C-alpha atoms as a PDB file:
ATOM      1  CA  UNK A   1       0.093   6.890   2.058  1.00  0.00           C
ATOM      2  CA  UNK A   2      -1.637   5.304   5.021  1.00  0.00           C
ATOM      3  CA  UNK A   3      -4.780   3.378   4.096  1.00  0.00           C
ATOM      4  CA  UNK A   4      -7.829   2.706   6.260  1.00  0.00           C
ATOM      5  CA  UNK A   5      -9.789  -0.470   6.850  1.00  0.00           C
ATOM      6  CA  UNK A   6     -12.224  -1.852   9.404  1.00  0.00           C
ATOM      7  CA  UNK A   7     -13.068  -5.284  10.704  1.00  0.00           C
ATOM      8  CA  UNK A   8     -15.897  -7.165   9.012  1.00  0.00           C
ATOM      9  CA  UNK A   9     -16.922 -10.762   9.416  1.00  0.00           C
ATOM     10  CA  UNK A  10     -18.063 -12.790   6.441  1.00  0.00           C
ATOM     11  CA  UNK A  11     -18.699 -16.084   8.229  1.00  0.00           C
ATOM     12  CA  UNK A  12     -19.363 -16.120  11.981  1.00  0.00           C
ATOM     13  CA  UNK A  13     -20.465 -13.122  14.030  1.00  0.00           C
ATOM     14  CA  UNK A  14     -17.533 -11.298  15.620  1.00  0.00           C
ATOM     15  CA  UNK A  15     -17.343  -8.839  18.506  1.00  0.00           C
ATOM     16  CA  UNK A  16     -15.220  -6.435  16.465  1.00  0.00           C
ATOM     17  CA  UNK A  17     -17.515  -6.252  13.446  1.00  0.00           C
ATOM     18  CA  UNK A  18     -20.326  -3.660  13.490  1.00  0.00           C
ATOM     19  CA  UNK A  19     -22.252  -5.901  11.084  1.00  0.00           C
ATOM     20  CA  UNK A  20     -23.325  -9.494  11.558  1.00  0.00           C
ATOM     21  CA  UNK A  21     -22.029 -12.111   9.158  1.00  0.00           C
ATOM     22  CA  UNK A  22     -25.458 -12.276   7.500  1.00  0.00           C
ATOM     23  CA  UNK A  23     -25.120  -8.562   6.703  1.00  0.00           C
ATOM     24  CA  UNK A  24     -21.668  -8.822   5.122  1.00  0.00           C
ATOM     25  CA  UNK A  25     -22.656  -7.100   1.885  1.00  0.00           C
ATOM     26  CA  UNK A  26     -24.298  -4.295   3.831  1.00  0.00           C
ATOM     27  CA  UNK A  27     -21.005  -3.957   5.671  1.00  0.00           C
ATOM     28  CA  UNK A  28     -19.109  -3.667   2.398  1.00  0.00           C
ATOM     29  CA  UNK A  29     -21.451  -0.899   1.274  1.00  0.00           C
ATOM     30  CA  UNK A  30     -20.829   0.892   4.584  1.00  0.00           C
ATOM     31  CA  UNK A  31     -17.071   0.662   4.134  1.00  0.00           C
ATOM     32  CA  UNK A  32     -17.315   2.134   0.665  1.00  0.00           C
ATOM     33  CA  UNK A  33     -19.712   4.909   1.650  1.00  0.00           C
ATOM     34  CA  UNK A  34     -17.610   5.813   4.696  1.00  0.00           C
ATOM     35  CA  UNK A  35     -14.446   6.219   2.639  1.00  0.00           C
ATOM     36  CA  UNK A  36     -12.509   3.153   3.726  1.00  0.00           C
ATOM     37  CA  UNK A  37      -9.930   1.630   1.411  1.00  0.00           C
ATOM     38  CA  UNK A  38     -10.280  -1.966   2.534  1.00  0.00           C
ATOM     39  CA  UNK A  39     -11.812  -4.565   4.822  1.00  0.00           C
ATOM     40  CA  UNK A  40     -10.099  -6.645   7.468  1.00  0.00           C
ATOM     41  CA  UNK A  41     -11.880  -9.984   7.198  1.00  0.00           C
ATOM     42  CA  UNK A  42     -12.605 -12.364  10.071  1.00  0.00           C
ATOM     43  CA  UNK A  43     -12.381 -15.889   8.663  1.00  0.00           C
ATOM     44  CA  UNK A  44     -12.309 -18.966  10.868  1.00  0.00           C
ATOM     45  CA  UNK A  45     -12.504 -21.805   8.335  1.00  0.00           C
ATOM     46  CA  UNK A  46     -13.393 -22.476   4.715  1.00  0.00           C
ATOM     47  CA  UNK A  47     -16.376 -24.801   5.075  1.00  0.00           C
ATOM     48  CA  UNK A  48     -19.004 -22.473   3.663  1.00  0.00           C
ATOM     49  CA  UNK A  49     -17.307 -19.500   2.040  1.00  0.00           C
ATOM     50  CA  UNK A  50     -15.834 -18.960  -1.392  1.00  0.00           C
ATOM     51  CA  UNK A  51     -12.847 -16.630  -1.480  1.00  0.00           C
ATOM     52  CA  UNK A  52     -13.217 -15.819  -5.167  1.00  0.00           C
ATOM     53  CA  UNK A  53     -16.783 -14.670  -4.527  1.00  0.00           C
ATOM     54  CA  UNK A  54     -15.584 -12.518  -1.629  1.00  0.00           C
ATOM     55  CA  UNK A  55     -12.814 -11.069  -3.791  1.00  0.00           C
ATOM     56  CA  UNK A  56     -15.365 -10.114  -6.448  1.00  0.00           C
ATOM     57  CA  UNK A  57     -17.619  -8.518  -3.827  1.00  0.00           C
ATOM     58  CA  UNK A  58     -14.724  -6.447  -2.505  1.00  0.00           C
ATOM     59  CA  UNK A  59     -13.800  -5.327  -6.006  1.00  0.00           C
ATOM     60  CA  UNK A  60     -17.417  -4.404  -6.751  1.00  0.00           C
ATOM     61  CA  UNK A  61     -17.241  -1.996  -3.805  1.00  0.00           C
ATOM     62  CA  UNK A  62     -13.795  -0.684  -4.815  1.00  0.00           C
ATOM     63  CA  UNK A  63     -12.256  -2.238  -1.703  1.00  0.00           C
ATOM     64  CA  UNK A  64      -9.151  -4.285  -0.960  1.00  0.00           C
ATOM     65  CA  UNK A  65      -8.529  -6.700   1.901  1.00  0.00           C
ATOM     66  CA  UNK A  66      -5.806  -5.710   4.357  1.00  0.00           C
ATOM     67  CA  UNK A  67      -5.510  -8.924   6.331  1.00  0.00           C
ATOM     68  CA  UNK A  68      -7.330 -12.110   7.274  1.00  0.00           C
ATOM     69  CA  UNK A  69      -8.038 -12.197  11.013  1.00  0.00           C
ATOM     70  CA  UNK A  70      -7.613 -15.830  11.997  1.00  0.00           C
ATOM     71  CA  UNK A  71      -8.279 -15.763  15.739  1.00  0.00           C
ATOM     72  CA  UNK A  72     -11.849 -17.080  15.837  1.00  0.00           C
ATOM     73  CA  UNK A  73     -10.514 -20.599  15.303  1.00  0.00           C
ATOM     74  CA  UNK A  74      -8.820 -20.494  18.705  1.00  0.00           C
ATOM     75  CA  UNK A  75     -12.143 -20.627  20.564  1.00  0.00           C
ATOM     76  CA  UNK A  76     -14.251 -22.313  17.910  1.00  0.00           C
ATOM     77  CA  UNK A  77     -11.874 -25.166  17.124  1.00  0.00           C
ATOM     78  CA  UNK A  78      -9.267 -25.059  19.888  1.00  0.00           C
ATOM     79  CA  UNK A  79      -6.446 -24.438  17.432  1.00  0.00           C
ATOM     80  CA  UNK A  80      -3.003 -23.339  18.597  1.00  0.00           C
ATOM     81  CA  UNK A  81       0.509 -23.179  17.182  1.00  0.00           C
ATOM     82  CA  UNK A  82       1.721 -24.304  20.601  1.00  0.00           C
ATOM     83  CA  UNK A  83      -0.686 -27.220  20.993  1.00  0.00           C
ATOM     84  CA  UNK A  84       0.744 -30.164  22.912  1.00  0.00           C
ATOM     85  CA  UNK A  85      -1.341 -32.558  20.816  1.00  0.00           C
ATOM     86  CA  UNK A  86       0.485 -33.059  17.475  1.00  0.00           C
ATOM     87  CA  UNK A  87      -2.829 -33.526  15.668  1.00  0.00           C
ATOM     88  CA  UNK A  88      -4.094 -30.129  16.875  1.00  0.00           C
ATOM     89  CA  UNK A  89      -0.818 -28.484  15.884  1.00  0.00           C
ATOM     90  CA  UNK A  90      -1.061 -30.020  12.427  1.00  0.00           C
ATOM     91  CA  UNK A  91      -4.650 -28.816  12.009  1.00  0.00           C
ATOM     92  CA  UNK A  92      -3.572 -25.331  13.072  1.00  0.00           C
ATOM     93  CA  UNK A  93      -0.768 -25.258  10.540  1.00  0.00           C
ATOM     94  CA  UNK A  94      -3.092 -26.544   7.833  1.00  0.00           C
ATOM     95  CA  UNK A  95      -5.646 -23.855   8.683  1.00  0.00           C
ATOM     96  CA  UNK A  96      -3.033 -21.121   8.474  1.00  0.00           C
ATOM     97  CA  UNK A  97      -1.941 -22.464   5.099  1.00  0.00           C
ATOM     98  CA  UNK A  98      -5.558 -22.242   3.940  1.00  0.00           C
ATOM     99  CA  UNK A  99      -5.539 -18.621   5.095  1.00  0.00           C
ATOM    100  CA  UNK A 100      -2.357 -18.095   3.094  1.00  0.00           C
ATOM    101  CA  UNK A 101      -4.054 -19.488  -0.011  1.00  0.00           C
ATOM    102  CA  UNK A 102      -6.968 -17.114   0.550  1.00  0.00           C
ATOM    103  CA  UNK A 103      -4.625 -14.197   1.148  1.00  0.00           C
ATOM    104  CA  UNK A 104      -2.851 -14.916  -2.129  1.00  0.00           C
ATOM    105  CA  UNK A 105      -6.218 -14.550  -3.880  1.00  0.00           C
ATOM    106  CA  UNK A 106      -7.239 -11.447  -1.925  1.00  0.00           C
ATOM    107  CA  UNK A 107      -3.847  -9.750  -2.004  1.00  0.00           C
ATOM    108  CA  UNK A 108      -3.829  -9.505   1.795  1.00  0.00           C
ATOM    109  CA  UNK A 109      -1.803 -10.392   4.850  1.00  0.00           C
ATOM    110  CA  UNK A 110      -2.643 -13.151   7.340  1.00  0.00           C
ATOM    111  CA  UNK A 111      -2.781 -12.261  11.031  1.00  0.00           C
ATOM    112  CA  UNK A 112      -1.299 -14.553  13.673  1.00  0.00           C
ATOM    113  CA  UNK A 113      -2.771 -13.459  16.996  1.00  0.00           C
ATOM    114  CA  UNK A 114      -4.894 -15.694  19.199  1.00  0.00           C
ATOM    115  CA  UNK A 115      -3.607 -18.792  17.401  1.00  0.00           C
ATOM    116  CA  UNK A 116      -0.307 -18.341  19.233  1.00  0.00           C
ATOM    117  CA  UNK A 117      -1.899 -18.823  22.667  1.00  0.00           C
ATOM    118  CA  UNK A 118      -0.525 -21.881  24.463  1.00  0.00           C
ATOM    119  CA  UNK A 119      -3.073 -22.348  27.237  1.00  0.00           C
ATOM    120  CA  UNK A 120      -0.427 -23.789  29.564  1.00  0.00           C
ATOM    121  CA  UNK A 121       2.537 -22.481  31.536  1.00  0.00           C
ATOM    122  CA  UNK A 122       5.768 -21.867  29.645  1.00  0.00           C
ATOM    123  CA  UNK A 123       8.886 -19.816  30.217  1.00  0.00           C
ATOM    124  CA  UNK A 124       9.444 -17.004  27.736  1.00  0.00           C
ATOM    125  CA  UNK A 125      12.331 -18.886  26.102  1.00  0.00           C
ATOM    126  CA  UNK A 126      10.378 -22.118  25.729  1.00  0.00           C
ATOM    127  CA  UNK A 127       7.400 -20.206  24.384  1.00  0.00           C
ATOM    128  CA  UNK A 128       9.500 -18.533  21.696  1.00  0.00           C
ATOM    129  CA  UNK A 129      11.132 -21.807  20.670  1.00  0.00           C
ATOM    130  CA  UNK A 130       7.800 -23.634  20.424  1.00  0.00           C
ATOM    131  CA  UNK A 131       6.156 -20.783  18.536  1.00  0.00           C
ATOM    132  CA  UNK A 132       9.049 -20.677  16.089  1.00  0.00           C
ATOM    133  CA  UNK A 133       8.747 -24.430  15.546  1.00  0.00           C
ATOM    134  CA  UNK A 134       5.005 -24.256  15.085  1.00  0.00           C
ATOM    135  CA  UNK A 135       5.258 -21.365  12.661  1.00  0.00           C
ATOM    136  CA  UNK A 136       8.101 -22.797  10.601  1.00  0.00           C
ATOM    137  CA  UNK A 137       6.101 -24.703   7.934  1.00  0.00           C
ATOM    138  CA  UNK A 138       3.652 -21.801   7.697  1.00  0.00           C
ATOM    139  CA  UNK A 139       6.491 -19.344   7.101  1.00  0.00           C
ATOM    140  CA  UNK A 140       7.895 -21.537   4.357  1.00  0.00           C
ATOM    141  CA  UNK A 141       4.492 -21.855   2.714  1.00  0.00           C
ATOM    142  CA  UNK A 142       3.834 -18.123   2.983  1.00  0.00           C
ATOM    143  CA  UNK A 143       7.164 -17.338   1.352  1.00  0.00           C
ATOM    144  CA  UNK A 144       6.448 -19.683  -1.546  1.00  0.00           C
ATOM    145  CA  UNK A 145       2.983 -18.129  -1.900  1.00  0.00           C
ATOM    146  CA  UNK A 146       4.181 -14.529  -1.810  1.00  0.00           C
ATOM    147  CA  UNK A 147       2.127 -13.750   1.312  1.00  0.00           C
ATOM    148  CA  UNK A 148       3.163 -11.796   4.401  1.00  0.00           C
ATOM    149  CA  UNK A 149       2.245 -13.015   7.878  1.00  0.00           C
ATOM    150  CA  UNK A 150       1.748 -10.376  10.555  1.00  0.00           C
ATOM    151  CA  UNK A 151       2.136 -11.393  14.186  1.00  0.00           C
ATOM    152  CA  UNK A 152       0.110  -9.379  16.665  1.00  0.00           C
ATOM    153  CA  UNK A 153       1.535  -8.117  19.939  1.00  0.00           C
ATOM    154  CA  UNK A 154      -1.203  -8.919  22.472  1.00  0.00           C
ATOM    155  CA  UNK A 155      -1.291  -7.708  26.062  1.00  0.00           C
ATOM    156  CA  UNK A 156      -0.284  -9.866  29.029  1.00  0.00           C
ATOM    157  CA  UNK A 157      -3.887 -10.479  30.077  1.00  0.00           C
ATOM    158  CA  UNK A 158      -4.651 -12.151  26.735  1.00  0.00           C
ATOM    159  CA  UNK A 159      -1.349 -13.773  25.786  1.00  0.00           C
ATOM    160  CA  UNK A 160       1.365 -15.497  27.794  1.00  0.00           C
ATOM    161  CA  UNK A 161       4.403 -13.946  26.115  1.00  0.00           C
ATOM    162  CA  UNK A 162       5.538 -11.541  23.379  1.00  0.00           C
ATOM    163  CA  UNK A 163       3.317  -8.711  24.542  1.00  0.00           C
ATOM    164  CA  UNK A 164       5.202  -5.515  23.714  1.00  0.00           C
ATOM    165  CA  UNK A 165       6.691  -4.004  20.582  1.00  0.00           C
ATOM    166  CA  UNK A 166      10.201  -4.673  21.907  1.00  0.00           C
ATOM    167  CA  UNK A 167       9.397  -8.328  22.596  1.00  0.00           C
ATOM    168  CA  UNK A 168       7.912  -8.693  19.136  1.00  0.00           C
ATOM    169  CA  UNK A 169      11.036  -7.231  17.538  1.00  0.00           C
ATOM    170  CA  UNK A 170      13.159  -9.648  19.580  1.00  0.00           C
ATOM    171  CA  UNK A 171      11.055 -12.593  18.412  1.00  0.00           C
ATOM    172  CA  UNK A 172      11.396 -11.584  14.767  1.00  0.00           C
ATOM    173  CA  UNK A 173      15.155 -11.387  15.301  1.00  0.00           C
ATOM    174  CA  UNK A 174      15.021 -14.855  16.863  1.00  0.00           C
ATOM    175  CA  UNK A 175      13.391 -16.375  13.776  1.00  0.00           C
ATOM    176  CA  UNK A 176      15.832 -14.646  11.443  1.00  0.00           C
ATOM    177  CA  UNK A 177      13.832 -11.537  10.524  1.00  0.00           C
ATOM    178  CA  UNK A 178      12.253 -12.966   7.362  1.00  0.00           C
ATOM    179  CA  UNK A 179      11.063 -10.219   5.036  1.00  0.00           C
ATOM    180  CA  UNK A 180       7.606 -11.787   4.711  1.00  0.00           C
ATOM    181  CA  UNK A 181       6.883 -11.580   8.452  1.00  0.00           C
ATOM    182  CA  UNK A 182       5.857  -8.328  10.090  1.00  0.00           C
ATOM    183  CA  UNK A 183       4.238  -6.867  13.178  1.00  0.00           C
ATOM    184  CA  UNK A 184       0.620  -5.993  13.843  1.00  0.00           C
ATOM    185  CA  UNK A 185       0.601  -3.253  16.494  1.00  0.00           C
ATOM    186  CA  UNK A 186      -2.714  -2.657  18.252  1.00  0.00           C
ATOM    187  CA  UNK A 187      -2.840   0.566  20.260  1.00  0.00           C
ATOM    188  CA  UNK A 188      -5.285  -0.959  22.771  1.00  0.00           C
ATOM    189  CA  UNK A 189      -2.698  -3.600  23.687  1.00  0.00           C
ATOM    190  CA  UNK A 190       0.160  -1.113  23.339  1.00  0.00           C
ATOM    191  CA  UNK A 191      -1.503   1.168  25.882  1.00  0.00           C
ATOM    192  CA  UNK A 192      -0.906  -1.629  28.404  1.00  0.00           C
ATOM    193  CA  UNK A 193       2.497  -2.857  27.231  1.00  0.00           C
ATOM    194  CA  UNK A 194       4.400  -0.009  25.531  1.00  0.00           C
ATOM    195  CA  UNK A 195       5.379   2.851  27.809  1.00  0.00           C
ATOM    196  CA  UNK A 196       6.212   5.241  24.973  1.00  0.00           C
ATOM    197  CA  UNK A 197       4.382   4.948  21.657  1.00  0.00           C
ATOM    198  CA  UNK A 198       6.956   7.041  19.775  1.00  0.00           C
ATOM    199  CA  UNK A 199       9.782   4.752  20.863  1.00  0.00           C
ATOM    200  CA  UNK A 200       7.740   1.640  20.052  1.00  0.00           C
ATOM    201  CA  UNK A 201       6.988   2.887  16.543  1.00  0.00           C
ATOM    202  CA  UNK A 202      10.629   3.801  15.961  1.00  0.00           C
ATOM    203  CA  UNK A 203      11.809   0.433  17.271  1.00  0.00           C
ATOM    204  CA  UNK A 204       9.503  -1.553  14.991  1.00  0.00           C
ATOM    205  CA  UNK A 205      10.497   0.514  11.964  1.00  0.00           C
ATOM    206  CA  UNK A 206       9.740  -1.160   8.656  1.00  0.00           C
ATOM    207  CA  UNK A 207       8.720  -4.351  10.452  1.00  0.00           C
ATOM    208  CA  UNK A 208       5.483  -2.603  11.384  1.00  0.00           C
ATOM    209  CA  UNK A 209       3.052  -3.677   8.667  1.00  0.00           C
ATOM    210  CA  UNK A 210      -0.424  -3.173  10.157  1.00  0.00           C
ATOM    211  CA  UNK A 211      -2.014  -1.103  12.940  1.00  0.00           C
ATOM    212  CA  UNK A 212      -5.225  -1.570  14.911  1.00  0.00           C
ATOM    213  CA  UNK A 213      -7.082   1.394  16.363  1.00  0.00           C
ATOM    214  CA  UNK A 214      -9.288   0.977  19.440  1.00  0.00           C
ATOM    215  CA  UNK A 215      -9.416   3.268  22.427  1.00  0.00           C
ATOM    216  CA  UNK A 216      -7.993   2.585  25.888  1.00  0.00           C
ATOM    217  CA  UNK A 217     -11.217   0.813  26.899  1.00  0.00           C
ATOM    218  CA  UNK A 218     -11.379  -0.946  23.503  1.00  0.00           C
ATOM    219  CA  UNK A 219     -14.303   1.252  22.475  1.00  0.00           C
ATOM    220  CA  UNK A 220     -14.489   3.291  19.284  1.00  0.00           C
ATOM    221  CA  UNK A 221     -11.752   5.964  19.112  1.00  0.00           C
ATOM    222  CA  UNK A 222     -12.742   9.021  21.095  1.00  0.00           C
ATOM    223  CA  UNK A 223     -14.545   7.161  23.866  1.00  0.00           C
ATOM    224  CA  UNK A 224     -11.448   6.450  25.963  1.00  0.00           C
ATOM    225  CA  UNK A 225      -8.358   8.495  26.733  1.00  0.00           C
ATOM    226  CA  UNK A 226      -5.986   7.844  23.809  1.00  0.00           C
ATOM    227  CA  UNK A 227      -5.059  10.691  21.453  1.00  0.00           C
ATOM    228  CA  UNK A 228      -5.493   9.226  17.988  1.00  0.00           C
ATOM    229  CA  UNK A 229      -4.478  12.427  16.239  1.00  0.00           C
ATOM    230  CA  UNK A 230      -1.106  12.207  17.993  1.00  0.00           C
ATOM    231  CA  UNK A 231      -0.721   8.495  17.247  1.00  0.00           C
ATOM    232  CA  UNK A 232      -1.562   9.092  13.595  1.00  0.00           C
ATOM    233  CA  UNK A 233       0.985  11.907  13.381  1.00  0.00           C
ATOM    234  CA  UNK A 234       3.620   9.666  14.963  1.00  0.00           C
ATOM    235  CA  UNK A 235       2.934   6.926  12.427  1.00  0.00           C
ATOM    236  CA  UNK A 236       3.007   9.416   9.582  1.00  0.00           C
ATOM    237  CA  UNK A 237       6.263  10.975  10.803  1.00  0.00           C
ATOM    238  CA  UNK A 238       7.865   7.521  11.027  1.00  0.00           C
ATOM    239  CA  UNK A 239       7.146   6.912   7.348  1.00  0.00           C
ATOM    240  CA  UNK A 240       4.629   4.159   8.002  1.00  0.00           C
ATOM    241  CA  UNK A 241       2.969   3.129   4.735  1.00  0.00           C
ATOM    242  CA  UNK A 242       0.653   0.338   5.859  1.00  0.00           C
ATOM    243  CA  UNK A 243      -2.982   0.386   6.894  1.00  0.00           C
ATOM    244  CA  UNK A 244      -4.778   1.487  10.017  1.00  0.00           C
ATOM    245  CA  UNK A 245      -7.718  -0.758  10.761  1.00  0.00           C
ATOM    246  CA  UNK A 246     -10.549  -0.174  13.193  1.00  0.00           C
ATOM    247  CA  UNK A 247     -10.712  -3.206  15.457  1.00  0.00           C
ATOM    248  CA  UNK A 248     -12.760  -2.012  18.394  1.00  0.00           C
ATOM    249  CA  UNK A 249     -15.680  -3.356  20.348  1.00  0.00           C
ATOM    250  CA  UNK A 250     -19.082  -2.082  19.296  1.00  0.00           C
ATOM    251  CA  UNK A 251     -18.989   0.426  22.114  1.00  0.00           C
ATOM    252  CA  UNK A 252     -20.720   2.717  22.893  1.00  0.00           C
ATOM    253  CA  UNK A 253     -22.821   0.930  20.224  1.00  0.00           C
ATOM    254  CA  UNK A 254     -22.540  -0.570  16.775  1.00  0.00           C
ATOM    255  CA  UNK A 255     -24.486   2.425  15.458  1.00  0.00           C
ATOM    256  CA  UNK A 256     -21.858   4.794  16.844  1.00  0.00           C
ATOM    257  CA  UNK A 257     -19.155   2.789  15.060  1.00  0.00           C
ATOM    258  CA  UNK A 258     -21.159   2.875  11.833  1.00  0.00           C
ATOM    259  CA  UNK A 259     -22.019   6.579  12.042  1.00  0.00           C
ATOM    260  CA  UNK A 260     -18.722   7.980  13.305  1.00  0.00           C
ATOM    261  CA  UNK A 261     -16.174   5.957  11.321  1.00  0.00           C
ATOM    262  CA  UNK A 262     -16.420   8.069   8.184  1.00  0.00           C
ATOM    263  CA  UNK A 263     -15.890  11.410   9.968  1.00  0.00           C
ATOM    264  CA  UNK A 264     -13.067   9.867  12.014  1.00  0.00           C
ATOM    265  CA  UNK A 265     -10.991   8.718   9.052  1.00  0.00           C
ATOM    266  CA  UNK A 266     -11.736  11.914   7.131  1.00  0.00           C
ATOM    267  CA  UNK A 267     -10.278  13.915  10.019  1.00  0.00           C
ATOM    268  CA  UNK A 268      -7.140  11.776  10.024  1.00  0.00           C
ATOM    269  CA  UNK A 269      -6.750  12.250   6.291  1.00  0.00           C
ATOM    270  CA  UNK A 270      -6.966  16.003   6.832  1.00  0.00           C
ATOM    271  CA  UNK A 271      -4.112  15.695   9.335  1.00  0.00           C
ATOM    272  CA  UNK A 272      -2.076  13.963   6.645  1.00  0.00           C
ATOM    273  CA  UNK A 273      -2.594  17.044   4.485  1.00  0.00           C
ATOM    274  CA  UNK A 274      -1.431  19.293   7.294  1.00  0.00           C
ATOM    275  CA  UNK A 275      -4.911  20.558   8.074  1.00  0.00           C
ATOM    276  CA  UNK A 276      -6.649  20.648  11.449  1.00  0.00           C
END
């Protein structure tokens, strides 16, 4: 059965979280009251947070953690798996391994999205080779830790290469299709890169481990032109068993996101039961 989560930040304020970091516990209460199954947590570093405390807070609200969103460290700390400076690359790999440790405690995935930005010109082949090299020690550590890494397909305006579902599948083939590496498919990015959602979902198959919902303008679902009922049905028909997570801008407002999330996921659950 498809589960539902939403983005919350527990450390630094994030544009995709309807609650500020200081209001993290209020955000957990909102998730529980709205009927979510889990939180998707934005974590940049581990200087001032305790993962065991966060795990207890989630459990107290009957919530799981779907994945750790790692991208804030790209802008905050300049981290990148394709960094030309070996010291920066090493810090990036160390940070991802810290995320893996946290994920092992939380029972979650770790997202690799913005941390795969290079910031300099590369051919597609060189990009894939460098990303594979940068990821290699992280993949080994994740396998030993029993944690799955999910790599996000980001659109061409945000990421140099590996933008579509097909390109993501090709990259996973390139690194040997390890079972503990999957795809995060965000319909906002897919609306730019994937011509046919049905074909993209079929192509990813069981490699699809996590889905982000945001409308065509990255606002809350229903405020753009995407048909989320149809996308949900397509995921359900494909046999997808992962989570759908709200990762949208606080548009039209954070209050809209807070107020309308519960009714939105309840409607999708009704679709799963064959009801309109």
